[in-house]
Amino acid sequence: SSEGLLTALREVEEFAQGYPPRSELLGLIDRLTRLARSLSVMVPAVDYRPSEVKEVGLTKVTVALVAEGNYGKIRRYLYELEGMRRHLVIERLSLQDPKGTSELQVSLQLAVYVR
């Protein structure tokens, strides 16, 4: 029915409004690095690549970064990233101990969605 279709369209619009606007993208990426710094996790570089998700009117930004720190700090950083689940998805994670010490490196590929 047309009423059901109208209701579905409203729900889709409400869902899309929950994503941050594209103008907040740099602030979101900055938030990732500030969060790392606040937890004493080093993030030497961040690389990001946008792509359009035309079917739903969103932009997906793939963010690649390497974070370095001890196990407890890395674990806390990942926990905090999971709390940003509304518009951030951890797509790939690789953990290694390159020096054989308790200082770890985690390679992350994240997807950030903006409207």
N, C-alpha and C. Protein backbone atom coordinates (compact mmCIF):
# COMPACT_ATOMS: atom_id res chain seq x y z
N SER A 1 0.84 -1.18 0.00
CA SER A 1 0.00 0.00 0.00
C SER A 1 0.89 1.25 0.00
N SER A 2 0.31 2.35 -0.43
CA SER A 2 1.06 3.60 -0.50
C SER A 2 1.42 4.10 0.91
N GLU A 3 0.57 3.82 1.87
CA GLU A 3 0.87 4.25 3.25
C GLU A 3 2.09 3.49 3.79
N GLY A 4 2.18 2.21 3.50
CA GLY A 4 3.32 1.40 3.93
C GLY A 4 4.61 1.86 3.27
N LEU A 5 4.51 2.20 1.98
CA LEU A 5 5.68 2.70 1.25
C LEU A 5 6.13 4.04 1.82
N LEU A 6 5.21 4.92 2.12
CA LEU A 6 5.53 6.21 2.71
C LEU A 6 6.21 6.04 4.07
N THR A 7 5.70 5.13 4.87
CA THR A 7 6.29 4.85 6.18
C THR A 7 7.72 4.33 6.02
N ALA A 8 7.93 3.42 5.07
CA ALA A 8 9.26 2.86 4.82
C ALA A 8 10.24 3.95 4.38
N LEU A 9 9.78 4.85 3.50
CA LEU A 9 10.65 5.94 3.04
C LEU A 9 11.03 6.87 4.19
N ARG A 10 10.09 7.15 5.07
CA ARG A 10 10.39 7.99 6.25
C ARG A 10 11.42 7.32 7.15
N GLU A 11 11.27 6.01 7.34
CA GLU A 11 12.22 5.28 8.19
C GLU A 11 13.62 5.28 7.59
N VAL A 12 13.72 5.13 6.27
CA VAL A 12 15.01 5.18 5.59
C VAL A 12 15.63 6.56 5.76
N GLU A 13 14.84 7.60 5.60
CA GLU A 13 15.34 8.97 5.75
C GLU A 13 15.83 9.22 7.19
N GLU A 14 15.08 8.75 8.17
CA GLU A 14 15.50 8.89 9.57
C GLU A 14 16.81 8.16 9.82
N PHE A 15 16.92 6.96 9.26
CA PHE A 15 18.14 6.17 9.43
C PHE A 15 19.34 6.91 8.83
N ALA A 16 19.19 7.44 7.64
CA ALA A 16 20.28 8.15 6.97
C ALA A 16 20.67 9.41 7.74
N GLN A 17 19.71 10.06 8.38
CA GLN A 17 20.02 11.28 9.15
C GLN A 17 20.88 10.98 10.37
N GLY A 18 20.96 9.72 10.78
CA GLY A 18 21.79 9.34 11.92
C GLY A 18 23.27 9.37 11.61
N TYR A 19 23.63 9.41 10.33
CA TYR A 19 25.03 9.48 9.93
C TYR A 19 25.48 10.93 9.92
N PRO A 20 26.73 11.18 10.30
CA PRO A 20 27.21 12.56 10.31
C PRO A 20 27.31 13.13 8.89
N PRO A 21 27.17 14.44 8.76
CA PRO A 21 27.32 15.05 7.42
C PRO A 21 28.77 14.96 6.94
N ARG A 22 28.93 15.00 5.64
CA ARG A 22 30.26 14.91 5.02
C ARG A 22 31.20 15.99 5.54
N SER A 23 30.66 17.14 5.90
CA SER A 23 31.50 18.23 6.40
C SER A 23 32.18 17.89 7.71
N GLU A 24 31.71 16.85 8.42
CA GLU A 24 32.31 16.45 9.69
C GLU A 24 33.36 15.34 9.53
N LEU A 25 33.67 14.96 8.30
CA LEU A 25 34.59 13.86 8.05
C LEU A 25 35.97 14.10 8.67
N LEU A 26 36.56 15.25 8.40
CA LEU A 26 37.90 15.52 8.95
C LEU A 26 37.87 15.52 10.47
N GLY A 27 36.79 16.00 11.05
CA GLY A 27 36.66 15.98 12.50
C GLY A 27 36.59 14.56 13.04
N LEU A 28 35.91 13.67 12.32
CA LEU A 28 35.83 12.26 12.73
C LEU A 28 37.20 11.59 12.68
N ILE A 29 37.94 11.85 11.61
CA ILE A 29 39.28 11.27 11.48
C ILE A 29 40.20 11.85 12.55
N ASP A 30 40.07 13.14 12.81
CA ASP A 30 40.85 13.76 13.88
C ASP A 30 40.50 13.13 15.22
N ARG A 31 39.23 12.80 15.41
CA ARG A 31 38.79 12.16 16.66
C ARG A 31 39.49 10.82 16.86
N LEU A 32 39.70 10.06 15.77
CA LEU A 32 40.41 8.79 15.86
C LEU A 32 41.83 8.97 16.37
N THR A 33 42.52 9.98 15.86
CA THR A 33 43.90 10.20 16.28
C THR A 33 43.98 10.84 17.67
N ARG A 34 43.04 11.72 18.00
CA ARG A 34 43.02 12.30 19.35
C ARG A 34 42.74 11.22 20.39
N LEU A 35 41.83 10.32 20.07
CA LEU A 35 41.53 9.21 20.96
C LEU A 35 42.78 8.37 21.20
N ALA A 36 43.51 8.08 20.14
CA ALA A 36 44.75 7.31 20.27
C ALA A 36 45.74 8.04 21.17
N ARG A 37 45.93 9.33 20.92
CA ARG A 37 46.86 10.11 21.75
C ARG A 37 46.46 10.11 23.21
N SER A 38 45.16 10.23 23.48
CA SER A 38 44.69 10.27 24.87
C SER A 38 44.96 8.95 25.58
N LEU A 39 45.10 7.86 24.82
CA LEU A 39 45.37 6.54 25.39
C LEU A 39 46.85 6.17 25.28
N SER A 40 47.69 7.13 24.86
CA SER A 40 49.13 6.91 24.67
C SER A 40 49.41 5.84 23.61
N VAL A 41 48.60 5.85 22.56
CA VAL A 41 48.80 4.96 21.41
C VAL A 41 49.31 5.84 20.28
N MET A 42 50.39 5.41 19.66
CA MET A 42 50.98 6.17 18.55
C MET A 42 50.28 5.80 17.23
N VAL A 43 49.93 6.82 16.46
CA VAL A 43 49.37 6.62 15.12
C VAL A 43 50.19 7.50 14.18
N PRO A 44 51.25 6.92 13.59
CA PRO A 44 52.15 7.72 12.76
C PRO A 44 51.51 8.33 11.50
N ALA A 45 50.57 7.61 10.89
CA ALA A 45 49.96 8.12 9.67
C ALA A 45 48.57 7.55 9.49
N VAL A 46 47.72 8.33 8.82
CA VAL A 46 46.36 7.90 8.50
C VAL A 46 46.15 8.13 7.01
N ASP A 47 45.63 7.13 6.34
CA ASP A 47 45.33 7.24 4.92
C ASP A 47 43.83 7.02 4.75
N TYR A 48 43.18 7.86 3.97
CA TYR A 48 41.75 7.65 3.76
C TYR A 48 41.37 7.87 2.31
N ARG A 49 40.39 7.05 1.87
CA ARG A 49 39.91 7.09 0.49
C ARG A 49 38.39 7.04 0.47
N PRO A 50 37.76 8.09 -0.05
CA PRO A 50 36.29 8.11 -0.13
C PRO A 50 35.77 7.37 -1.36
N SER A 51 34.57 6.82 -1.23
CA SER A 51 33.86 6.24 -2.37
C SER A 51 32.37 6.40 -2.09
N GLU A 52 31.62 6.57 -3.14
CA GLU A 52 30.18 6.79 -3.01
C GLU A 52 29.43 5.46 -2.90
N VAL A 53 28.43 5.43 -2.02
CA VAL A 53 27.50 4.30 -1.93
C VAL A 53 26.17 4.87 -2.43
N LYS A 54 26.02 4.92 -3.74
CA LYS A 54 24.90 5.61 -4.37
C LYS A 54 23.54 5.05 -3.99
N GLU A 55 23.48 3.74 -3.76
CA GLU A 55 22.19 3.11 -3.47
C GLU A 55 21.52 3.69 -2.23
N VAL A 56 22.33 4.15 -1.28
CA VAL A 56 21.77 4.66 -0.03
C VAL A 56 22.12 6.12 0.23
N GLY A 57 22.80 6.76 -0.72
CA GLY A 57 23.10 8.18 -0.59
C GLY A 57 24.15 8.50 0.47
N LEU A 58 25.06 7.57 0.73
CA LEU A 58 26.11 7.80 1.71
C LEU A 58 27.47 7.77 1.04
N THR A 59 28.46 8.31 1.72
CA THR A 59 29.84 8.22 1.29
C THR A 59 30.56 7.31 2.27
N LYS A 60 31.24 6.31 1.73
CA LYS A 60 32.05 5.41 2.55
C LYS A 60 33.49 5.89 2.42
N VAL A 61 34.12 6.12 3.56
CA VAL A 61 35.52 6.53 3.57
C VAL A 61 36.31 5.39 4.22
N THR A 62 37.20 4.79 3.44
CA THR A 62 38.06 3.73 3.97
C THR A 62 39.26 4.40 4.62
N VAL A 63 39.46 4.12 5.90
CA VAL A 63 40.55 4.71 6.68
C VAL A 63 41.53 3.60 7.04
N ALA A 64 42.79 3.77 6.65
CA ALA A 64 43.82 2.80 6.99
C ALA A 64 44.81 3.48 7.93
N LEU A 65 45.13 2.79 9.03
CA LEU A 65 46.09 3.33 9.98
C LEU A 65 46.79 2.20 10.71
N VAL A 66 47.97 2.51 11.23
CA VAL A 66 48.71 1.59 12.09
C VAL A 66 48.81 2.26 13.44
N ALA A 67 48.40 1.54 14.48
CA ALA A 67 48.48 2.04 15.85
C ALA A 67 49.52 1.22 16.60
N GLU A 68 50.32 1.89 17.43
CA GLU A 68 51.38 1.21 18.17
C GLU A 68 51.26 1.54 19.65
N GLY A 69 51.41 0.52 20.48
CA GLY A 69 51.36 0.71 21.92
C GLY A 69 51.37 -0.62 22.63
N ASN A 70 51.32 -0.59 23.94
CA ASN A 70 51.30 -1.87 24.66
C ASN A 70 49.92 -2.51 24.56
N TYR A 71 49.85 -3.76 24.95
CA TYR A 71 48.62 -4.54 24.79
C TYR A 71 47.40 -3.87 25.41
N GLY A 72 47.54 -3.41 26.63
CA GLY A 72 46.41 -2.80 27.33
C GLY A 72 45.90 -1.56 26.63
N LYS A 73 46.81 -0.74 26.13
CA LYS A 73 46.41 0.49 25.44
C LYS A 73 45.77 0.20 24.09
N ILE A 74 46.34 -0.75 23.37
CA ILE A 74 45.76 -1.14 22.08
C ILE A 74 44.37 -1.72 22.30
N ARG A 75 44.23 -2.56 23.29
CA ARG A 75 42.93 -3.17 23.59
C ARG A 75 41.89 -2.10 23.91
N ARG A 76 42.28 -1.11 24.70
CA ARG A 76 41.36 -0.03 25.06
C ARG A 76 40.98 0.80 23.82
N TYR A 77 41.95 1.06 22.95
CA TYR A 77 41.70 1.82 21.72
C TYR A 77 40.66 1.09 20.86
N LEU A 78 40.85 -0.23 20.70
CA LEU A 78 39.89 -1.01 19.91
C LEU A 78 38.51 -1.00 20.55
N TYR A 79 38.46 -1.07 21.86
CA TYR A 79 37.19 -1.02 22.58
C TYR A 79 36.47 0.30 22.31
N GLU A 80 37.23 1.40 22.36
CA GLU A 80 36.65 2.72 22.10
C GLU A 80 36.17 2.84 20.65
N LEU A 81 36.92 2.27 19.71
CA LEU A 81 36.48 2.29 18.31
C LEU A 81 35.18 1.52 18.13
N GLU A 82 35.05 0.41 18.82
CA GLU A 82 33.80 -0.36 18.74
C GLU A 82 32.61 0.45 19.24
N GLY A 83 32.85 1.35 20.16
CA GLY A 83 31.78 2.20 20.68
C GLY A 83 31.30 3.23 19.67
N MET A 84 32.05 3.42 18.59
CA MET A 84 31.68 4.38 17.54
C MET A 84 30.94 3.65 16.41
N ARG A 85 30.36 2.51 16.70
CA ARG A 85 29.78 1.62 15.70
C ARG A 85 28.69 2.22 14.83
N ARG A 86 28.05 3.27 15.25
CA ARG A 86 26.93 3.82 14.47
C ARG A 86 27.36 4.19 13.06
N HIS A 87 28.55 4.78 12.93
CA HIS A 87 28.99 5.21 11.61
C HIS A 87 30.42 4.76 11.29
N LEU A 88 30.99 3.91 12.12
CA LEU A 88 32.34 3.41 11.90
C LEU A 88 32.33 1.89 12.01
N VAL A 89 32.96 1.23 11.05
CA VAL A 89 33.02 -0.23 11.03
C VAL A 89 34.48 -0.64 10.94
N ILE A 90 34.89 -1.59 11.81
CA ILE A 90 36.23 -2.15 11.70
C ILE A 90 36.14 -3.26 10.66
N GLU A 91 36.75 -3.02 9.51
CA GLU A 91 36.67 -4.00 8.41
C GLU A 91 37.80 -5.03 8.47
N ARG A 92 38.98 -4.58 8.85
CA ARG A 92 40.12 -5.49 8.88
C ARG A 92 41.03 -5.08 10.03
N LEU A 93 41.58 -6.08 10.71
CA LEU A 93 42.46 -5.84 11.84
C LEU A 93 43.57 -6.88 11.81
N SER A 94 44.80 -6.41 11.95
CA SER A 94 45.94 -7.30 11.98
C SER A 94 46.84 -6.87 13.14
N LEU A 95 47.11 -7.79 14.05
CA LEU A 95 47.90 -7.49 15.24
C LEU A 95 49.23 -8.22 15.14
N GLN A 96 50.31 -7.50 15.45
CA GLN A 96 51.62 -8.13 15.43
C GLN A 96 52.53 -7.54 16.49
N ASP A 97 53.55 -8.29 16.84
CA ASP A 97 54.56 -7.89 17.81
C ASP A 97 55.91 -7.93 17.08
N PRO A 98 56.23 -6.88 16.32
CA PRO A 98 57.39 -6.93 15.43
C PRO A 98 58.74 -7.02 16.15
N LYS A 99 58.84 -6.53 17.36
CA LYS A 99 60.12 -6.52 18.06
C LYS A 99 60.22 -7.62 19.11
N GLY A 100 59.18 -8.41 19.27
CA GLY A 100 59.20 -9.46 20.27
C GLY A 100 59.10 -8.91 21.69
N THR A 101 58.52 -7.73 21.83
CA THR A 101 58.34 -7.10 23.14
C THR A 101 56.84 -6.95 23.39
N SER A 102 56.50 -6.23 24.40
CA SER A 102 55.07 -6.01 24.66
C SER A 102 54.52 -4.83 23.86
N GLU A 103 55.35 -4.18 23.05
CA GLU A 103 54.88 -3.10 22.18
C GLU A 103 54.30 -3.71 20.91
N LEU A 104 53.03 -3.50 20.70
CA LEU A 104 52.32 -4.12 19.59
C LEU A 104 52.02 -3.11 18.49
N GLN A 105 51.80 -3.63 17.30
CA GLN A 105 51.32 -2.84 16.17
C GLN A 105 50.01 -3.45 15.71
N VAL A 106 49.03 -2.62 15.51
CA VAL A 106 47.76 -3.09 14.96
C VAL A 106 47.50 -2.30 13.69
N SER A 107 47.33 -3.03 12.60
CA SER A 107 46.96 -2.41 11.31
C SER A 107 45.44 -2.48 11.22
N LEU A 108 44.84 -1.33 11.01
CA LEU A 108 43.38 -1.25 10.96
C LEU A 108 42.92 -0.73 9.62
N GLN A 109 41.85 -1.32 9.14
CA GLN A 109 41.12 -0.74 8.01
C GLN A 109 39.71 -0.51 8.53
N LEU A 110 39.34 0.74 8.54
CA LEU A 110 38.04 1.16 9.05
C LEU A 110 37.20 1.71 7.90
N ALA A 111 35.91 1.63 8.06
CA ALA A 111 35.00 2.28 7.12
C ALA A 111 34.19 3.29 7.93
N VAL A 112 34.22 4.53 7.48
CA VAL A 112 33.45 5.59 8.10
C VAL A 112 32.38 6.01 7.10
N TYR A 113 31.15 6.07 7.55
CA TYR A 113 30.05 6.43 6.65
C TYR A 113 29.54 7.82 7.00
N VAL A 114 29.41 8.66 5.97
CA VAL A 114 28.88 10.01 6.13
C VAL A 114 27.83 10.25 5.05
N ARG A 115 26.96 11.22 5.31
CA ARG A 115 25.91 11.50 4.32
C ARG A 115 26.24 12.75 3.54
